[in-house]
Amino acid sequence: MSEFSLYFGLGKDHILDYVNGYDHILFVLALCAVYLISDWRKILILVTAFTIGHSITLALATLNIINVQTDAIEFLIPLTIFITAVANLFKKETAQSKTRIQINYVFALFFGLIHGLGFSNYLRALLGKQESIVSPLFAFNLGLELGQIIVVVIFLGISFILVELAKVQRRDLRFVLSSAIAGIALVLMKDRIFW
């Protein structure tokens, strides 16, 4: 197995590991909760913005340029999930299509910065004393992007079935999903209080 495929697999598995990576999946679902299959371009921009944010801090932390207390990051990750999910509850259907840069794009990029710090210690230990981390980081982030796209495709398929075939109201789906995610995020925040 090549180094590239190793790190690519780690990135993909980081997202798709529903036992250890469920917080990442929750965040991606919270980002996508306001969209349907017809919004696939917007969702692609969202997950790519998240990957960019994640990549920046992952690289900076892996190179020891920034160092943040792990306990603080473990608390901030569910906080980002909570904020995103709660923002969905107050989003108006019409506002979504008229604004050029939506708040979810900002959430995806900025909160991606926080999520990137959450995996940096593990990746730093894996990379060890390698001379160049460019290729492993690139492979990891491509895998991360693929993992997120897989989660999004599954979500879009389920939302299509619910909204288009079962005739569930889009607003109701958004409200139930976002409320559930916010509730789970609150529990995670309570469990990860570091002060």
N, C-alpha and C. Protein backbone atom coordinates (compact mmCIF):
# COMPACT_ATOMS: atom_id res chain seq x y z
N MET A 1 0.85 -1.18 0.00
CA MET A 1 0.00 0.00 0.00
C MET A 1 0.89 1.24 0.00
N SER A 2 0.61 2.16 -0.89
CA SER A 2 1.41 3.38 -0.98
C SER A 2 1.06 4.32 0.16
N GLU A 3 1.99 5.25 0.41
CA GLU A 3 1.76 6.25 1.45
C GLU A 3 0.52 7.08 1.14
N PHE A 4 0.35 7.44 -0.14
CA PHE A 4 -0.80 8.25 -0.54
C PHE A 4 -2.10 7.53 -0.21
N SER A 5 -2.21 6.26 -0.60
CA SER A 5 -3.46 5.53 -0.35
C SER A 5 -3.68 5.29 1.14
N LEU A 6 -2.61 5.15 1.90
CA LEU A 6 -2.74 5.01 3.36
C LEU A 6 -3.41 6.24 3.96
N TYR A 7 -2.88 7.42 3.64
CA TYR A 7 -3.43 8.65 4.21
C TYR A 7 -4.78 9.02 3.61
N PHE A 8 -4.98 8.68 2.35
CA PHE A 8 -6.29 8.88 1.73
C PHE A 8 -7.34 8.06 2.49
N GLY A 9 -7.02 6.81 2.77
CA GLY A 9 -7.92 5.94 3.52
C GLY A 9 -8.17 6.45 4.93
N LEU A 10 -7.13 6.97 5.56
CA LEU A 10 -7.30 7.55 6.91
C LEU A 10 -8.27 8.73 6.88
N GLY A 11 -8.14 9.59 5.88
CA GLY A 11 -9.04 10.74 5.76
C GLY A 11 -10.48 10.31 5.55
N LYS A 12 -10.67 9.36 4.64
CA LYS A 12 -12.02 8.86 4.36
C LYS A 12 -12.61 8.19 5.60
N ASP A 13 -11.80 7.36 6.25
CA ASP A 13 -12.28 6.65 7.44
C ASP A 13 -12.53 7.60 8.61
N HIS A 14 -11.79 8.70 8.65
CA HIS A 14 -11.99 9.70 9.71
C HIS A 14 -13.42 10.21 9.69
N ILE A 15 -13.98 10.40 8.51
CA ILE A 15 -15.36 10.86 8.38
C ILE A 15 -16.35 9.71 8.52
N LEU A 16 -16.07 8.59 7.90
CA LEU A 16 -17.05 7.51 7.83
C LEU A 16 -17.06 6.60 9.06
N ASP A 17 -16.16 6.81 10.00
CA ASP A 17 -16.14 6.01 11.23
C ASP A 17 -17.26 6.51 12.14
N TYR A 18 -18.44 5.89 11.99
CA TYR A 18 -19.60 6.36 12.73
C TYR A 18 -19.52 6.08 14.23
N VAL A 19 -18.56 5.26 14.66
CA VAL A 19 -18.39 5.02 16.10
C VAL A 19 -17.53 6.12 16.71
N ASN A 20 -16.38 6.40 16.09
CA ASN A 20 -15.47 7.41 16.65
C ASN A 20 -15.59 8.77 15.96
N GLY A 21 -16.13 8.80 14.76
CA GLY A 21 -16.21 10.05 14.02
C GLY A 21 -17.61 10.59 13.86
N TYR A 22 -18.51 10.16 14.74
CA TYR A 22 -19.91 10.59 14.60
C TYR A 22 -20.08 12.10 14.75
N ASP A 23 -19.18 12.75 15.51
CA ASP A 23 -19.31 14.20 15.64
C ASP A 23 -19.06 14.88 14.31
N HIS A 24 -18.15 14.34 13.52
CA HIS A 24 -17.89 14.88 12.20
C HIS A 24 -19.10 14.69 11.29
N ILE A 25 -19.69 13.51 11.35
CA ILE A 25 -20.88 13.22 10.55
C ILE A 25 -22.02 14.15 10.96
N LEU A 26 -22.19 14.35 12.27
CA LEU A 26 -23.24 15.26 12.75
C LEU A 26 -23.05 16.67 12.20
N PHE A 27 -21.80 17.13 12.17
CA PHE A 27 -21.55 18.48 11.67
C PHE A 27 -21.89 18.58 10.19
N VAL A 28 -21.47 17.59 9.41
CA VAL A 28 -21.79 17.60 7.97
C VAL A 28 -23.30 17.57 7.77
N LEU A 29 -24.01 16.75 8.55
CA LEU A 29 -25.47 16.69 8.44
C LEU A 29 -26.11 18.02 8.85
N ALA A 30 -25.58 18.65 9.88
CA ALA A 30 -26.11 19.96 10.30
C ALA A 30 -25.91 20.99 9.19
N LEU A 31 -24.76 20.95 8.53
CA LEU A 31 -24.52 21.87 7.42
C LEU A 31 -25.51 21.65 6.28
N CYS A 32 -25.83 20.38 6.02
CA CYS A 32 -26.65 20.03 4.86
C CYS A 32 -28.15 20.02 5.15
N ALA A 33 -28.55 20.14 6.39
CA ALA A 33 -29.96 19.95 6.77
C ALA A 33 -30.92 20.88 6.05
N VAL A 34 -30.44 22.02 5.59
CA VAL A 34 -31.33 22.99 4.94
C VAL A 34 -31.41 22.80 3.42
N TYR A 35 -30.73 21.78 2.91
CA TYR A 35 -30.65 21.60 1.46
C TYR A 35 -31.34 20.32 1.00
N LEU A 36 -31.69 20.33 -0.27
CA LEU A 36 -32.24 19.14 -0.93
C LEU A 36 -31.33 18.77 -2.10
N ILE A 37 -31.69 17.70 -2.79
CA ILE A 37 -30.85 17.18 -3.87
C ILE A 37 -30.62 18.22 -4.97
N SER A 38 -31.57 19.10 -5.19
CA SER A 38 -31.42 20.13 -6.22
C SER A 38 -30.36 21.17 -5.85
N ASP A 39 -29.96 21.19 -4.58
CA ASP A 39 -28.95 22.14 -4.10
C ASP A 39 -27.56 21.53 -4.06
N TRP A 40 -27.30 20.50 -4.85
CA TRP A 40 -26.05 19.75 -4.74
C TRP A 40 -24.81 20.63 -4.94
N ARG A 41 -24.89 21.66 -5.78
CA ARG A 41 -23.73 22.55 -5.98
C ARG A 41 -23.40 23.31 -4.70
N LYS A 42 -24.44 23.81 -4.02
CA LYS A 42 -24.23 24.53 -2.76
C LYS A 42 -23.60 23.60 -1.72
N ILE A 43 -24.07 22.37 -1.70
CA ILE A 43 -23.54 21.41 -0.73
C ILE A 43 -22.09 21.08 -1.04
N LEU A 44 -21.74 20.96 -2.31
CA LEU A 44 -20.36 20.69 -2.68
C LEU A 44 -19.46 21.84 -2.23
N ILE A 45 -19.94 23.08 -2.39
CA ILE A 45 -19.17 24.24 -1.90
C ILE A 45 -19.01 24.15 -0.39
N LEU A 46 -20.09 23.78 0.32
CA LEU A 46 -20.03 23.67 1.78
C LEU A 46 -18.99 22.67 2.24
N VAL A 47 -19.04 21.45 1.69
CA VAL A 47 -18.10 20.44 2.17
C VAL A 47 -16.67 20.79 1.77
N THR A 48 -16.50 21.44 0.63
CA THR A 48 -15.16 21.86 0.24
C THR A 48 -14.66 22.98 1.14
N ALA A 49 -15.53 23.91 1.51
CA ALA A 49 -15.14 24.98 2.45
C ALA A 49 -14.73 24.37 3.79
N PHE A 50 -15.48 23.38 4.23
CA PHE A 50 -15.15 22.70 5.48
C PHE A 50 -13.79 22.01 5.37
N THR A 51 -13.55 21.34 4.26
CA THR A 51 -12.27 20.66 4.06
C THR A 51 -11.12 21.65 4.03
N ILE A 52 -11.33 22.80 3.40
CA ILE A 52 -10.27 23.83 3.34
C ILE A 52 -9.94 24.31 4.75
N GLY A 53 -10.97 24.64 5.53
CA GLY A 53 -10.73 25.06 6.91
C GLY A 53 -10.04 23.98 7.71
N HIS A 54 -10.52 22.76 7.58
CA HIS A 54 -9.96 21.61 8.28
C HIS A 54 -8.49 21.43 7.88
N SER A 55 -8.19 21.58 6.59
CA SER A 55 -6.83 21.38 6.08
C SER A 55 -5.86 22.42 6.62
N ILE A 56 -6.31 23.66 6.70
CA ILE A 56 -5.43 24.74 7.15
C ILE A 56 -4.94 24.48 8.57
N THR A 57 -5.87 24.26 9.49
CA THR A 57 -5.44 24.08 10.88
C THR A 57 -4.78 22.72 11.10
N LEU A 58 -5.20 21.73 10.34
CA LEU A 58 -4.55 20.42 10.44
C LEU A 58 -3.08 20.55 10.06
N ALA A 59 -2.79 21.27 8.98
CA ALA A 59 -1.40 21.48 8.56
C ALA A 59 -0.64 22.31 9.59
N LEU A 60 -1.24 23.41 10.04
CA LEU A 60 -0.56 24.28 11.00
C LEU A 60 -0.27 23.55 12.32
N ALA A 61 -1.22 22.77 12.78
CA ALA A 61 -1.03 22.04 14.04
C ALA A 61 -0.03 20.89 13.87
N THR A 62 -0.09 20.21 12.74
CA THR A 62 0.83 19.10 12.48
C THR A 62 2.27 19.60 12.40
N LEU A 63 2.45 20.80 11.85
CA LEU A 63 3.78 21.41 11.76
C LEU A 63 4.20 22.12 13.05
N ASN A 64 3.37 22.03 14.07
CA ASN A 64 3.62 22.69 15.37
C ASN A 64 3.70 24.21 15.27
N ILE A 65 3.01 24.78 14.29
CA ILE A 65 2.95 26.24 14.17
C ILE A 65 1.91 26.78 15.15
N ILE A 66 0.82 26.04 15.32
CA ILE A 66 -0.15 26.38 16.36
C ILE A 66 -0.34 25.17 17.26
N ASN A 67 -0.62 25.45 18.51
CA ASN A 67 -0.84 24.38 19.47
C ASN A 67 -1.96 24.82 20.40
N VAL A 68 -3.04 24.06 20.39
CA VAL A 68 -4.21 24.41 21.19
C VAL A 68 -4.50 23.25 22.13
N GLN A 69 -4.96 23.59 23.32
CA GLN A 69 -5.28 22.58 24.32
C GLN A 69 -6.33 21.60 23.76
N THR A 70 -6.02 20.32 23.81
CA THR A 70 -6.89 19.29 23.26
C THR A 70 -8.27 19.30 23.90
N ASP A 71 -8.33 19.49 25.21
CA ASP A 71 -9.62 19.50 25.91
C ASP A 71 -10.52 20.62 25.40
N ALA A 72 -9.92 21.77 25.11
CA ALA A 72 -10.70 22.90 24.61
C ALA A 72 -11.28 22.58 23.23
N ILE A 73 -10.47 21.97 22.38
CA ILE A 73 -10.94 21.61 21.03
C ILE A 73 -12.04 20.56 21.11
N GLU A 74 -11.87 19.58 21.99
CA GLU A 74 -12.89 18.53 22.14
C GLU A 74 -14.23 19.10 22.60
N PHE A 75 -14.20 20.23 23.31
CA PHE A 75 -15.43 20.91 23.70
C PHE A 75 -15.97 21.78 22.55
N LEU A 76 -15.06 22.45 21.85
CA LEU A 76 -15.48 23.36 20.77
C LEU A 76 -16.11 22.63 19.59
N ILE A 77 -15.69 21.40 19.33
CA ILE A 77 -16.25 20.66 18.19
C ILE A 77 -17.77 20.47 18.35
N PRO A 78 -18.27 19.96 19.49
CA PRO A 78 -19.73 19.87 19.60
C PRO A 78 -20.41 21.24 19.68
N LEU A 79 -19.68 22.25 20.16
CA LEU A 79 -20.25 23.60 20.17
C LEU A 79 -20.50 24.07 18.74
N THR A 80 -19.58 23.78 17.82
CA THR A 80 -19.79 24.16 16.41
C THR A 80 -20.98 23.43 15.82
N ILE A 81 -21.14 22.18 16.21
CA ILE A 81 -22.29 21.39 15.74
C ILE A 81 -23.58 22.02 16.26
N PHE A 82 -23.59 22.37 17.53
CA PHE A 82 -24.78 22.96 18.16
C PHE A 82 -25.15 24.28 17.49
N ILE A 83 -24.18 25.16 17.30
CA ILE A 83 -24.45 26.47 16.69
C ILE A 83 -25.02 26.31 15.28
N THR A 84 -24.43 25.41 14.50
CA THR A 84 -24.90 25.19 13.13
C THR A 84 -26.32 24.65 13.12
N ALA A 85 -26.60 23.68 13.99
CA ALA A 85 -27.94 23.08 14.04
C ALA A 85 -28.98 24.09 14.51
N VAL A 86 -28.65 24.89 15.51
CA VAL A 86 -29.61 25.89 16.01
C VAL A 86 -29.85 26.97 14.96
N ALA A 87 -28.80 27.37 14.24
CA ALA A 87 -28.98 28.37 13.17
C ALA A 87 -29.96 27.86 12.11
N ASN A 88 -29.95 26.55 11.87
CA ASN A 88 -30.89 25.97 10.89
C ASN A 88 -32.34 26.16 11.32
N LEU A 89 -32.57 26.14 12.63
CA LEU A 89 -33.94 26.26 13.14
C LEU A 89 -34.55 27.63 12.85
N PHE A 90 -33.70 28.64 12.71
CA PHE A 90 -34.18 30.00 12.49
C PHE A 90 -34.05 30.47 11.05
N LYS A 91 -33.60 29.59 10.21
CA LYS A 91 -33.41 29.94 8.80
C LYS A 91 -34.74 29.93 8.07
N LYS A 92 -34.99 30.99 7.30
CA LYS A 92 -36.22 31.07 6.51
C LYS A 92 -35.98 30.42 5.16
N GLU A 93 -36.99 29.75 4.65
CA GLU A 93 -36.87 29.06 3.36
C GLU A 93 -36.50 30.02 2.23
N THR A 94 -37.11 31.19 2.21
CA THR A 94 -36.86 32.13 1.10
C THR A 94 -35.50 32.78 1.20
N ALA A 95 -35.01 32.99 2.41
CA ALA A 95 -33.71 33.64 2.57
C ALA A 95 -32.59 32.78 2.02
N GLN A 96 -32.81 31.49 1.98
CA GLN A 96 -31.79 30.56 1.56
C GLN A 96 -31.38 30.75 0.10
N SER A 97 -32.30 31.02 -0.76
CA SER A 97 -31.97 31.08 -2.18
C SER A 97 -31.57 32.49 -2.62
N LYS A 98 -31.90 33.52 -1.87
CA LYS A 98 -31.65 34.89 -2.32
C LYS A 98 -30.27 35.41 -1.94
N THR A 99 -29.74 34.99 -0.81
CA THR A 99 -28.44 35.50 -0.38
C THR A 99 -27.33 34.80 -1.13
N ARG A 100 -26.35 35.59 -1.53
CA ARG A 100 -25.24 35.04 -2.32
C ARG A 100 -24.31 34.19 -1.44
N ILE A 101 -23.85 34.73 -0.33
CA ILE A 101 -23.00 33.98 0.58
C ILE A 101 -23.82 33.68 1.82
N GLN A 102 -24.13 32.42 1.99
CA GLN A 102 -24.96 32.01 3.11
C GLN A 102 -24.12 31.81 4.36
N ILE A 103 -24.77 31.93 5.50
CA ILE A 103 -24.08 31.76 6.78
C ILE A 103 -23.48 30.36 6.90
N ASN A 104 -24.11 29.36 6.27
CA ASN A 104 -23.56 28.00 6.33
C ASN A 104 -22.18 27.92 5.69
N TYR A 105 -21.90 28.72 4.67
CA TYR A 105 -20.57 28.71 4.06
C TYR A 105 -19.54 29.22 5.06
N VAL A 106 -19.91 30.26 5.79
CA VAL A 106 -19.01 30.81 6.82
C VAL A 106 -18.82 29.78 7.93
N PHE A 107 -19.92 29.17 8.38
CA PHE A 107 -19.82 28.11 9.39
C PHE A 107 -18.89 27.00 8.92
N ALA A 108 -19.07 26.57 7.70
CA ALA A 108 -18.28 25.45 7.18
C ALA A 108 -16.79 25.76 7.20
N LEU A 109 -16.41 26.94 6.72
CA LEU A 109 -15.00 27.30 6.67
C LEU A 109 -14.44 27.54 8.06
N PHE A 110 -15.09 28.38 8.84
CA PHE A 110 -14.58 28.73 10.17
C PHE A 110 -14.59 27.53 11.11
N PHE A 111 -15.68 26.79 11.12
CA PHE A 111 -15.75 25.64 12.01
C PHE A 111 -14.87 24.50 11.54
N GLY A 112 -14.58 24.47 10.24
CA GLY A 112 -13.60 23.50 9.72
C GLY A 112 -12.23 23.74 10.34
N LEU A 113 -11.91 25.00 10.60
CA LEU A 113 -10.65 25.33 11.27
C LEU A 113 -10.58 24.65 12.64
N ILE A 114 -11.68 24.69 13.37
CA ILE A 114 -11.72 24.07 14.70
C ILE A 114 -11.63 22.55 14.60
N HIS A 115 -12.40 21.97 13.69
CA HIS A 115 -12.40 20.51 13.55
C HIS A 115 -11.02 19.99 13.13
N GLY A 116 -10.30 20.76 12.34
CA GLY A 116 -8.96 20.34 11.92
C GLY A 116 -8.00 20.16 13.08
N LEU A 117 -8.18 20.97 14.10
CA LEU A 117 -7.33 20.85 15.29
C LEU A 117 -7.61 19.56 16.05
N GLY A 118 -8.83 19.05 15.93
CA GLY A 118 -9.21 17.86 16.68
C GLY A 118 -8.47 16.60 16.27
N PHE A 119 -7.99 16.54 15.05
CA PHE A 119 -7.34 15.33 14.56
C PHE A 119 -5.83 15.50 14.46
N SER A 120 -5.33 16.71 14.76
CA SER A 120 -3.92 17.02 14.50
C SER A 120 -2.96 16.19 15.34
N ASN A 121 -3.27 15.93 16.61
CA ASN A 121 -2.34 15.16 17.44
C ASN A 121 -2.14 13.75 16.89
N TYR A 122 -3.23 13.13 16.47
CA TYR A 122 -3.15 11.78 15.92
C TYR A 122 -2.33 11.78 14.63
N LEU A 123 -2.61 12.74 13.75
CA LEU A 123 -1.89 12.81 12.48
C LEU A 123 -0.42 13.14 12.71
N ARG A 124 -0.14 14.02 13.66
CA ARG A 124 1.24 14.37 13.99
C ARG A 124 2.01 13.12 14.45
N ALA A 125 1.38 12.29 15.27
CA ALA A 125 2.01 11.06 15.73
C ALA A 125 2.24 10.09 14.56
N LEU A 126 1.30 10.03 13.63
CA LEU A 126 1.46 9.15 12.47
C LEU A 126 2.60 9.59 11.56
N LEU A 127 2.68 10.91 11.36
CA LEU A 127 3.69 11.43 10.43
C LEU A 127 5.10 11.34 11.02
N GLY A 128 5.18 11.39 12.35
CA GLY A 128 6.48 11.28 13.01
C GLY A 128 7.44 12.34 12.52
N LYS A 129 8.59 11.91 12.09
CA LYS A 129 9.66 12.83 11.68
C LYS A 129 9.80 12.92 10.16
N GLN A 130 8.72 12.70 9.44
CA GLN A 130 8.79 12.78 7.98
C GLN A 130 9.26 14.16 7.54
N GLU A 131 10.07 14.17 6.49
CA GLU A 131 10.61 15.43 5.99
C GLU A 131 9.53 16.30 5.38
N SER A 132 8.65 15.69 4.61
CA SER A 132 7.59 16.46 3.96
C SER A 132 6.23 15.88 4.35
N ILE A 133 5.35 16.76 4.77
CA ILE A 133 4.00 16.33 5.12
C ILE A 133 3.00 16.72 4.05
N VAL A 134 3.46 17.34 2.98
CA VAL A 134 2.56 17.85 1.94
C VAL A 134 1.74 16.72 1.32
N SER A 135 2.41 15.67 0.86
CA SER A 135 1.70 14.58 0.21
C SER A 135 0.76 13.85 1.17
N PRO A 136 1.20 13.49 2.39
CA PRO A 136 0.26 12.84 3.31
C PRO A 136 -0.94 13.72 3.67
N LEU A 137 -0.70 15.02 3.88
CA LEU A 137 -1.81 15.93 4.20
C LEU A 137 -2.78 16.07 3.04
N PHE A 138 -2.23 16.17 1.84
CA PHE A 138 -3.07 16.27 0.65
C PHE A 138 -3.92 15.01 0.50
N ALA A 139 -3.30 13.85 0.65
CA ALA A 139 -4.02 12.58 0.54
C ALA A 139 -5.09 12.47 1.62
N PHE A 140 -4.74 12.84 2.85
CA PHE A 140 -5.69 12.78 3.95
C PHE A 140 -6.90 13.66 3.66
N ASN A 141 -6.66 14.87 3.20
CA ASN A 141 -7.75 15.81 2.95
C ASN A 141 -8.59 15.42 1.74
N LEU A 142 -7.99 14.78 0.74
CA LEU A 142 -8.80 14.24 -0.36
C LEU A 142 -9.71 13.11 0.14
N GLY A 143 -9.18 12.27 1.01
CA GLY A 143 -9.99 11.21 1.61
C GLY A 143 -11.11 11.78 2.46
N LEU A 144 -10.78 12.84 3.20
CA LEU A 144 -11.77 13.53 4.02
C LEU A 144 -12.90 14.07 3.15
N GLU A 145 -12.53 14.68 2.04
CA GLU A 145 -13.53 15.24 1.11
C GLU A 145 -14.42 14.13 0.55
N LEU A 146 -13.81 13.01 0.16
CA LEU A 146 -14.60 11.89 -0.36
C LEU A 146 -15.55 11.36 0.71
N GLY A 147 -15.06 11.21 1.93
CA GLY A 147 -15.90 10.74 3.03
C GLY A 147 -17.10 11.65 3.26
N GLN A 148 -16.85 12.95 3.21
CA GLN A 148 -17.95 13.91 3.40
C GLN A 148 -18.95 13.81 2.25
N ILE A 149 -18.46 13.64 1.04
CA ILE A 149 -19.35 13.53 -0.11
C ILE A 149 -20.21 12.27 0.01
N ILE A 150 -19.64 11.19 0.50
CA ILE A 150 -20.41 9.96 0.72
C ILE A 150 -21.53 10.21 1.73
N VAL A 151 -21.22 10.89 2.83
CA VAL A 151 -22.23 11.22 3.84
C VAL A 151 -23.33 12.08 3.22
N VAL A 152 -22.93 13.07 2.42
CA VAL A 152 -23.88 13.98 1.78
C VAL A 152 -24.78 13.22 0.80
N VAL A 153 -24.21 12.33 0.01
CA VAL A 153 -25.00 11.56 -0.96
C VAL A 153 -26.04 10.70 -0.23
N ILE A 154 -25.64 10.08 0.86
CA ILE A 154 -26.59 9.28 1.65
C ILE A 154 -27.69 10.18 2.21
N PHE A 155 -27.29 11.33 2.75
CA PHE A 155 -28.28 12.27 3.29
C PHE A 155 -29.24 12.74 2.20
N LEU A 156 -28.70 13.12 1.04
CA LEU A 156 -29.55 13.61 -0.05
C LEU A 156 -30.51 12.53 -0.54
N GLY A 157 -30.04 11.29 -0.58
CA GLY A 157 -30.91 10.19 -0.97
C GLY A 157 -32.06 10.01 0.00
N ILE A 158 -31.75 10.04 1.29
CA ILE A 158 -32.80 9.90 2.31
C ILE A 158 -33.75 11.08 2.27
N SER A 159 -33.21 12.30 2.15
CA SER A 159 -34.08 13.48 2.12
C SER A 159 -34.95 13.48 0.87
N PHE A 160 -34.43 12.99 -0.26
CA PHE A 160 -35.23 12.89 -1.48
C PHE A 160 -36.41 11.94 -1.26
N ILE A 161 -36.12 10.80 -0.67
CA ILE A 161 -37.19 9.82 -0.39
C ILE A 161 -38.24 10.43 0.54
N LEU A 162 -37.78 11.11 1.58
CA LEU A 162 -38.72 11.68 2.56
C LEU A 162 -39.53 12.84 1.98
N VAL A 163 -38.86 13.76 1.30
CA VAL A 163 -39.54 14.98 0.83
C VAL A 163 -40.31 14.73 -0.47
N GLU A 164 -39.67 14.08 -1.42
CA GLU A 164 -40.30 13.93 -2.73
C GLU A 164 -41.27 12.75 -2.81
N LEU A 165 -40.93 11.66 -2.15
CA LEU A 165 -41.77 10.47 -2.26
C LEU A 165 -42.75 10.33 -1.09
N ALA A 166 -42.26 10.54 0.13
CA ALA A 166 -43.13 10.39 1.30
C ALA A 166 -43.87 11.70 1.62
N LYS A 167 -43.55 12.77 0.91
CA LYS A 167 -44.21 14.08 1.05
C LYS A 167 -44.07 14.71 2.43
N VAL A 168 -42.92 14.45 3.09
CA VAL A 168 -42.61 15.14 4.34
C VAL A 168 -42.25 16.58 3.97
N GLN A 169 -42.75 17.54 4.74
CA GLN A 169 -42.44 18.94 4.46
C GLN A 169 -40.94 19.19 4.68
N ARG A 170 -40.35 19.91 3.76
CA ARG A 170 -38.92 20.25 3.85
C ARG A 170 -38.61 20.93 5.18
N ARG A 171 -39.48 21.86 5.58
CA ARG A 171 -39.30 22.58 6.84
C ARG A 171 -39.31 21.62 8.03
N ASP A 172 -40.21 20.63 8.00
CA ASP A 172 -40.30 19.67 9.10
C ASP A 172 -39.06 18.80 9.18
N LEU A 173 -38.56 18.37 8.03
CA LEU A 173 -37.34 17.57 8.00
C LEU A 173 -36.18 18.36 8.59
N ARG A 174 -36.03 19.60 8.15
CA ARG A 174 -34.96 20.46 8.67
C ARG A 174 -35.08 20.65 10.16
N PHE A 175 -36.32 20.89 10.64
CA PHE A 175 -36.53 21.15 12.06
C PHE A 175 -36.22 19.92 12.90
N VAL A 176 -36.71 18.75 12.49
CA VAL A 176 -36.49 17.52 13.27
C VAL A 176 -35.01 17.15 13.27
N LEU A 177 -34.38 17.17 12.09
CA LEU A 177 -32.97 16.80 12.01
C LEU A 177 -32.09 17.77 12.80
N SER A 178 -32.32 19.06 12.62
CA SER A 178 -31.50 20.06 13.32
C SER A 178 -31.72 20.01 14.82
N SER A 179 -32.95 19.79 15.26
CA SER A 179 -33.23 19.69 16.70
C SER A 179 -32.53 18.47 17.30
N ALA A 180 -32.59 17.35 16.61
CA ALA A 180 -31.93 16.13 17.10
C ALA A 180 -30.42 16.33 17.18
N ILE A 181 -29.85 16.93 16.15
CA ILE A 181 -28.40 17.18 16.15
C ILE A 181 -28.03 18.14 17.26
N ALA A 182 -28.82 19.20 17.47
CA ALA A 182 -28.53 20.15 18.54
C ALA A 182 -28.59 19.46 19.90
N GLY A 183 -29.56 18.58 20.09
CA GLY A 183 -29.67 17.85 21.35
C GLY A 183 -28.47 16.95 21.61
N ILE A 184 -28.03 16.24 20.59
CA ILE A 184 -26.86 15.37 20.72
C ILE A 184 -25.62 16.22 21.02
N ALA A 185 -25.51 17.36 20.34
CA ALA A 185 -24.36 18.25 20.55
C ALA A 185 -24.34 18.78 21.99
N LEU A 186 -25.50 19.09 22.54
CA LEU A 186 -25.55 19.54 23.94
C LEU A 186 -25.02 18.48 24.89
N VAL A 187 -25.40 17.24 24.66
CA VAL A 187 -24.91 16.14 25.50
C VAL A 187 -23.40 16.01 25.36
N LEU A 188 -22.89 16.10 24.12
CA LEU A 188 -21.44 16.02 23.90
C LEU A 188 -20.72 17.16 24.60
N MET A 189 -21.29 18.37 24.54
CA MET A 189 -20.68 19.51 25.21
C MET A 189 -20.63 19.28 26.71
N LYS A 190 -21.70 18.78 27.28
CA LYS A 190 -21.74 18.50 28.72
C LYS A 190 -20.67 17.48 29.10
N ASP A 191 -20.52 16.46 28.28
CA ASP A 191 -19.53 15.41 28.56
C ASP A 191 -18.09 15.88 28.37
N ARG A 192 -17.89 16.95 27.62
CA ARG A 192 -16.53 17.40 27.29
C ARG A 192 -16.15 18.73 27.95
N ILE A 193 -16.93 19.15 28.93
CA ILE A 193 -16.56 20.41 29.63
C ILE A 193 -15.17 20.24 30.22
N PHE A 194 -14.32 21.21 29.95
CA PHE A 194 -12.91 21.06 30.34
C PHE A 194 -12.48 22.00 31.46
N TRP A 195 -13.38 22.84 31.94
CA TRP A 195 -12.99 23.78 33.00
C TRP A 195 -13.56 23.38 34.32
